[in-house]
Amino acid sequence: MVSRSARRASESQEQADAYIRRAAGSQSAAEQISSAKSLLDEGLITNDEFGRLKAKALV
């Protein structure tokens, strides 16, 4: 059970990372933040990760 959860979490993180890489290059700051918020709302990233993505989008 634990290994299944860990594997699922790892797969989700990989999907989120891939999505962020794709989205980061082609969106405005507001769109990047909106996308990151969606990931946060879906539970795919943590509040800390959201904060980092938001800060990066605003630079």
PDB file of N, CA and C in Angstrom:
ATOM      1  N   MET A   1       0.833  -1.187   0.000  1.00  0.00           N
ATOM      2  CA  MET A   1       0.000   0.000   0.000  1.00  0.00           C
ATOM      3  C   MET A   1       0.873   1.245   0.000  1.00  0.00           C
ATOM      4  N   VAL A   2       1.890   1.276   0.851  1.00  0.00           N
ATOM      5  CA  VAL A   2       2.759   2.445   0.931  1.00  0.00           C
ATOM      6  C   VAL A   2       3.524   2.630  -0.369  1.00  0.00           C
ATOM      7  N   SER A   3       4.031   1.530  -0.940  1.00  0.00           N
ATOM      8  CA  SER A   3       4.798   1.655  -2.180  1.00  0.00           C
ATOM      9  C   SER A   3       3.901   2.120  -3.323  1.00  0.00           C
ATOM     10  N   ARG A   4       2.641   1.695  -3.326  1.00  0.00           N
ATOM     11  CA  ARG A   4       1.703   2.140  -4.357  1.00  0.00           C
ATOM     12  C   ARG A   4       1.453   3.635  -4.223  1.00  0.00           C
ATOM     13  N   SER A   5       1.283   4.104  -3.010  1.00  0.00           N
ATOM     14  CA  SER A   5       1.065   5.531  -2.772  1.00  0.00           C
ATOM     15  C   SER A   5       2.299   6.342  -3.163  1.00  0.00           C
ATOM     16  N   ALA A   6       3.454   5.831  -2.828  1.00  0.00           N
ATOM     17  CA  ALA A   6       4.692   6.527  -3.172  1.00  0.00           C
ATOM     18  C   ALA A   6       4.868   6.585  -4.681  1.00  0.00           C
ATOM     19  N   ARG A   7       4.569   5.489  -5.345  1.00  0.00           N
ATOM     20  CA  ARG A   7       4.680   5.454  -6.804  1.00  0.00           C
ATOM     21  C   ARG A   7       3.697   6.430  -7.441  1.00  0.00           C
ATOM     22  N   ARG A   8       2.476   6.454  -6.931  1.00  0.00           N
ATOM     23  CA  ARG A   8       1.459   7.369  -7.449  1.00  0.00           C
ATOM     24  C   ARG A   8       1.872   8.826  -7.222  1.00  0.00           C
ATOM     25  N   ALA A   9       2.420   9.122  -6.060  1.00  0.00           N
ATOM     26  CA  ALA A   9       2.884  10.480  -5.770  1.00  0.00           C
ATOM     27  C   ALA A   9       4.030  10.866  -6.700  1.00  0.00           C
ATOM     28  N   SER A  10       4.936   9.944  -6.936  1.00  0.00           N
ATOM     29  CA  SER A  10       6.063  10.205  -7.828  1.00  0.00           C
ATOM     30  C   SER A  10       5.584  10.464  -9.254  1.00  0.00           C
ATOM     31  N   GLU A  11       4.642   9.663  -9.713  1.00  0.00           N
ATOM     32  CA  GLU A  11       4.087   9.846 -11.057  1.00  0.00           C
ATOM     33  C   GLU A  11       3.370  11.189 -11.162  1.00  0.00           C
ATOM     34  N   SER A  12       2.625  11.556 -10.139  1.00  0.00           N
ATOM     35  CA  SER A  12       1.938  12.848 -10.140  1.00  0.00           C
ATOM     36  C   SER A  12       2.935  13.991 -10.182  1.00  0.00           C
ATOM     37  N   GLN A  13       4.002  13.871  -9.412  1.00  0.00           N
ATOM     38  CA  GLN A  13       5.027  14.918  -9.400  1.00  0.00           C
ATOM     39  C   GLN A  13       5.696  15.033 -10.764  1.00  0.00           C
ATOM     40  N   GLU A  14       5.979  13.901 -11.393  1.00  0.00           N
ATOM     41  CA  GLU A  14       6.597  13.923 -12.720  1.00  0.00           C
ATOM     42  C   GLU A  14       5.670  14.592 -13.733  1.00  0.00           C
ATOM     43  N   GLN A  15       4.377  14.287 -13.657  1.00  0.00           N
ATOM     44  CA  GLN A  15       3.408  14.908 -14.551  1.00  0.00           C
ATOM     45  C   GLN A  15       3.327  16.408 -14.306  1.00  0.00           C
ATOM     46  N   ALA A  16       3.317  16.798 -13.053  1.00  0.00           N
ATOM     47  CA  ALA A  16       3.261  18.220 -12.714  1.00  0.00           C
ATOM     48  C   ALA A  16       4.517  18.934 -13.205  1.00  0.00           C
ATOM     49  N   ASP A  17       5.681  18.329 -13.019  1.00  0.00           N
ATOM     50  CA  ASP A  17       6.931  18.928 -13.472  1.00  0.00           C
ATOM     51  C   ASP A  17       6.935  19.097 -14.991  1.00  0.00           C
ATOM     52  N   ALA A  18       6.493  18.083 -15.701  1.00  0.00           N
ATOM     53  CA  ALA A  18       6.442  18.158 -17.163  1.00  0.00           C
ATOM     54  C   ALA A  18       5.478  19.254 -17.611  1.00  0.00           C
ATOM     55  N   TYR A  19       4.335  19.326 -16.955  1.00  0.00           N
ATOM     56  CA  TYR A  19       3.360  20.360 -17.291  1.00  0.00           C
ATOM     57  C   TYR A  19       3.936  21.749 -17.040  1.00  0.00           C
ATOM     58  N   ILE A  20       4.590  21.916 -15.929  1.00  0.00           N
ATOM     59  CA  ILE A  20       5.166  23.215 -15.586  1.00  0.00           C
ATOM     60  C   ILE A  20       6.223  23.613 -16.602  1.00  0.00           C
ATOM     61  N   ARG A  21       7.069  22.662 -17.004  1.00  0.00           N
ATOM     62  CA  ARG A  21       8.093  22.977 -17.999  1.00  0.00           C
ATOM     63  C   ARG A  21       7.463  23.399 -19.325  1.00  0.00           C
ATOM     64  N   ARG A  22       6.413  22.701 -19.746  1.00  0.00           N
ATOM     65  CA  ARG A  22       5.736  23.057 -21.002  1.00  0.00           C
ATOM     66  C   ARG A  22       5.079  24.422 -20.888  1.00  0.00           C
ATOM     67  N   ALA A  23       4.425  24.651 -19.783  1.00  0.00           N
ATOM     68  CA  ALA A  23       3.640  25.872 -19.618  1.00  0.00           C
ATOM     69  C   ALA A  23       4.496  27.102 -19.360  1.00  0.00           C
ATOM     70  N   ALA A  24       5.611  26.937 -18.735  1.00  0.00           N
ATOM     71  CA  ALA A  24       6.415  28.084 -18.316  1.00  0.00           C
ATOM     72  C   ALA A  24       6.948  28.901 -19.485  1.00  0.00           C
ATOM     73  N   GLY A  25       7.235  28.270 -20.590  1.00  0.00           N
ATOM     74  CA  GLY A  25       7.842  28.991 -21.696  1.00  0.00           C
ATOM     75  C   GLY A  25       6.871  29.755 -22.576  1.00  0.00           C
ATOM     76  N   SER A  26       5.588  29.499 -22.476  1.00  0.00           N
ATOM     77  CA  SER A  26       4.667  30.056 -23.460  1.00  0.00           C
ATOM     78  C   SER A  26       3.518  30.860 -22.856  1.00  0.00           C
ATOM     79  N   GLN A  27       3.572  31.176 -21.601  1.00  0.00           N
ATOM     80  CA  GLN A  27       2.452  31.850 -20.960  1.00  0.00           C
ATOM     81  C   GLN A  27       2.900  33.145 -20.290  1.00  0.00           C
ATOM     82  N   SER A  28       1.947  34.046 -20.143  1.00  0.00           N
ATOM     83  CA  SER A  28       2.207  35.264 -19.383  1.00  0.00           C
ATOM     84  C   SER A  28       2.318  34.913 -17.901  1.00  0.00           C
ATOM     85  N   ALA A  29       2.763  35.873 -17.105  1.00  0.00           N
ATOM     86  CA  ALA A  29       2.894  35.645 -15.666  1.00  0.00           C
ATOM     87  C   ALA A  29       1.550  35.270 -15.054  1.00  0.00           C
ATOM     88  N   ALA A  30       0.484  35.967 -15.449  1.00  0.00           N
ATOM     89  CA  ALA A  30      -0.842  35.669 -14.903  1.00  0.00           C
ATOM     90  C   ALA A  30      -1.289  34.255 -15.274  1.00  0.00           C
ATOM     91  N   GLU A  31      -0.995  33.844 -16.497  1.00  0.00           N
ATOM     92  CA  GLU A  31      -1.368  32.491 -16.931  1.00  0.00           C
ATOM     93  C   GLU A  31      -0.558  31.432 -16.188  1.00  0.00           C
ATOM     94  N   GLN A  32       0.729  31.711 -15.968  1.00  0.00           N
ATOM     95  CA  GLN A  32       1.568  30.770 -15.228  1.00  0.00           C
ATOM     96  C   GLN A  32       1.063  30.601 -13.801  1.00  0.00           C
ATOM     97  N   ILE A  33       0.712  31.722 -13.166  1.00  0.00           N
ATOM     98  CA  ILE A  33       0.203  31.663 -11.796  1.00  0.00           C
ATOM     99  C   ILE A  33      -1.124  30.928 -11.760  1.00  0.00           C
ATOM    100  N   SER A  34      -1.975  31.177 -12.736  1.00  0.00           N
ATOM    101  CA  SER A  34      -3.263  30.489 -12.817  1.00  0.00           C
ATOM    102  C   SER A  34      -3.068  28.982 -12.980  1.00  0.00           C
ATOM    103  N   SER A  35      -2.121  28.600 -13.828  1.00  0.00           N
ATOM    104  CA  SER A  35      -1.832  27.180 -14.027  1.00  0.00           C
ATOM    105  C   SER A  35      -1.302  26.547 -12.749  1.00  0.00           C
ATOM    106  N   ALA A  36      -0.417  27.263 -12.071  1.00  0.00           N
ATOM    107  CA  ALA A  36       0.128  26.754 -10.818  1.00  0.00           C
ATOM    108  C   ALA A  36      -0.970  26.626  -9.767  1.00  0.00           C
ATOM    109  N   LYS A  37      -1.876  27.579  -9.735  1.00  0.00           N
ATOM    110  CA  LYS A  37      -3.002  27.523  -8.785  1.00  0.00           C
ATOM    111  C   LYS A  37      -3.875  26.308  -9.060  1.00  0.00           C
ATOM    112  N   SER A  38      -4.075  26.001 -10.335  1.00  0.00           N
ATOM    113  CA  SER A  38      -4.851  24.809 -10.691  1.00  0.00           C
ATOM    114  C   SER A  38      -4.171  23.548 -10.166  1.00  0.00           C
ATOM    115  N   LEU A  39      -2.844  23.493 -10.324  1.00  0.00           N
ATOM    116  CA  LEU A  39      -2.099  22.337  -9.812  1.00  0.00           C
ATOM    117  C   LEU A  39      -2.223  22.243  -8.295  1.00  0.00           C
ATOM    118  N   LEU A  40      -2.162  23.393  -7.633  1.00  0.00           N
ATOM    119  CA  LEU A  40      -2.314  23.430  -6.178  1.00  0.00           C
ATOM    120  C   LEU A  40      -3.702  22.942  -5.778  1.00  0.00           C
ATOM    121  N   ASP A  41      -4.717  23.437  -6.459  1.00  0.00           N
ATOM    122  CA  ASP A  41      -6.089  23.048  -6.150  1.00  0.00           C
ATOM    123  C   ASP A  41      -6.334  21.557  -6.364  1.00  0.00           C
ATOM    124  N   GLU A  42      -5.627  20.974  -7.334  1.00  0.00           N
ATOM    125  CA  GLU A  42      -5.768  19.542  -7.613  1.00  0.00           C
ATOM    126  C   GLU A  42      -4.928  18.694  -6.670  1.00  0.00           C
ATOM    127  N   GLY A  43      -4.121  19.353  -5.843  1.00  0.00           N
ATOM    128  CA  GLY A  43      -3.290  18.618  -4.891  1.00  0.00           C
ATOM    129  C   GLY A  43      -2.015  18.056  -5.492  1.00  0.00           C
ATOM    130  N   LEU A  44      -1.634  18.532  -6.683  1.00  0.00           N
ATOM    131  CA  LEU A  44      -0.447  18.007  -7.344  1.00  0.00           C
ATOM    132  C   LEU A  44       0.835  18.691  -6.888  1.00  0.00           C
ATOM    133  N   ILE A  45       0.705  19.896  -6.310  1.00  0.00           N
ATOM    134  CA  ILE A  45       1.861  20.596  -5.764  1.00  0.00           C
ATOM    135  C   ILE A  45       1.502  21.131  -4.383  1.00  0.00           C
ATOM    136  N   THR A  46       2.525  21.438  -3.616  1.00  0.00           N
ATOM    137  CA  THR A  46       2.319  21.971  -2.267  1.00  0.00           C
ATOM    138  C   THR A  46       2.221  23.493  -2.309  1.00  0.00           C
ATOM    139  N   ASN A  47       1.848  24.092  -1.173  1.00  0.00           N
ATOM    140  CA  ASN A  47       1.809  25.549  -1.070  1.00  0.00           C
ATOM    141  C   ASN A  47       3.189  26.151  -1.306  1.00  0.00           C
ATOM    142  N   ASP A  48       4.234  25.495  -0.809  1.00  0.00           N
ATOM    143  CA  ASP A  48       5.597  25.985  -1.019  1.00  0.00           C
ATOM    144  C   ASP A  48       5.955  25.987  -2.500  1.00  0.00           C
ATOM    145  N   GLU A  49       5.611  24.895  -3.192  1.00  0.00           N
ATOM    146  CA  GLU A  49       5.886  24.829  -4.629  1.00  0.00           C
ATOM    147  C   GLU A  49       5.103  25.902  -5.382  1.00  0.00           C
ATOM    148  N   PHE A  50       3.860  26.118  -4.980  1.00  0.00           N
ATOM    149  CA  PHE A  50       3.065  27.171  -5.598  1.00  0.00           C
ATOM    150  C   PHE A  50       3.732  28.530  -5.398  1.00  0.00           C
ATOM    151  N   GLY A  51       4.201  28.787  -4.197  1.00  0.00           N
ATOM    152  CA  GLY A  51       4.880  30.051  -3.907  1.00  0.00           C
ATOM    153  C   GLY A  51       6.112  30.251  -4.778  1.00  0.00           C
ATOM    154  N   ARG A  52       6.895  29.188  -4.956  1.00  0.00           N
ATOM    155  CA  ARG A  52       8.086  29.282  -5.805  1.00  0.00           C
ATOM    156  C   ARG A  52       7.710  29.548  -7.253  1.00  0.00           C
ATOM    157  N   LEU A  53       6.687  28.862  -7.753  1.00  0.00           N
ATOM    158  CA  LEU A  53       6.253  29.076  -9.132  1.00  0.00           C
ATOM    159  C   LEU A  53       5.719  30.493  -9.321  1.00  0.00           C
ATOM    160  N   LYS A  54       4.978  30.970  -8.349  1.00  0.00           N
ATOM    161  CA  LYS A  54       4.435  32.327  -8.417  1.00  0.00           C
ATOM    162  C   LYS A  54       5.570  33.350  -8.440  1.00  0.00           C
ATOM    163  N   ALA A  55       6.533  33.176  -7.553  1.00  0.00           N
ATOM    164  CA  ALA A  55       7.675  34.103  -7.517  1.00  0.00           C
ATOM    165  C   ALA A  55       8.439  34.071  -8.828  1.00  0.00           C
ATOM    166  N   LYS A  56       8.629  32.885  -9.372  1.00  0.00           N
ATOM    167  CA  LYS A  56       9.359  32.751 -10.641  1.00  0.00           C
ATOM    168  C   LYS A  56       8.593  33.433 -11.776  1.00  0.00           C
ATOM    169  N   ALA A  57       7.281  33.316 -11.784  1.00  0.00           N
ATOM    170  CA  ALA A  57       6.474  33.930 -12.837  1.00  0.00           C
ATOM    171  C   ALA A  57       6.521  35.448 -12.762  1.00  0.00           C
ATOM    172  N   LEU A  58       6.693  35.978 -11.565  1.00  0.00           N
ATOM    173  CA  LEU A  58       6.679  37.428 -11.390  1.00  0.00           C
ATOM    174  C   LEU A  58       8.032  38.091 -11.614  1.00  0.00           C
ATOM    175  N   VAL A  59       9.062  37.285 -11.835  1.00  0.00           N
ATOM    176  CA  VAL A  59      10.412  37.843 -12.053  1.00  0.00           C
ATOM    177  C   VAL A  59      10.538  38.362 -13.459  1.00  0.00           C
TER     178      VAL A  59
END
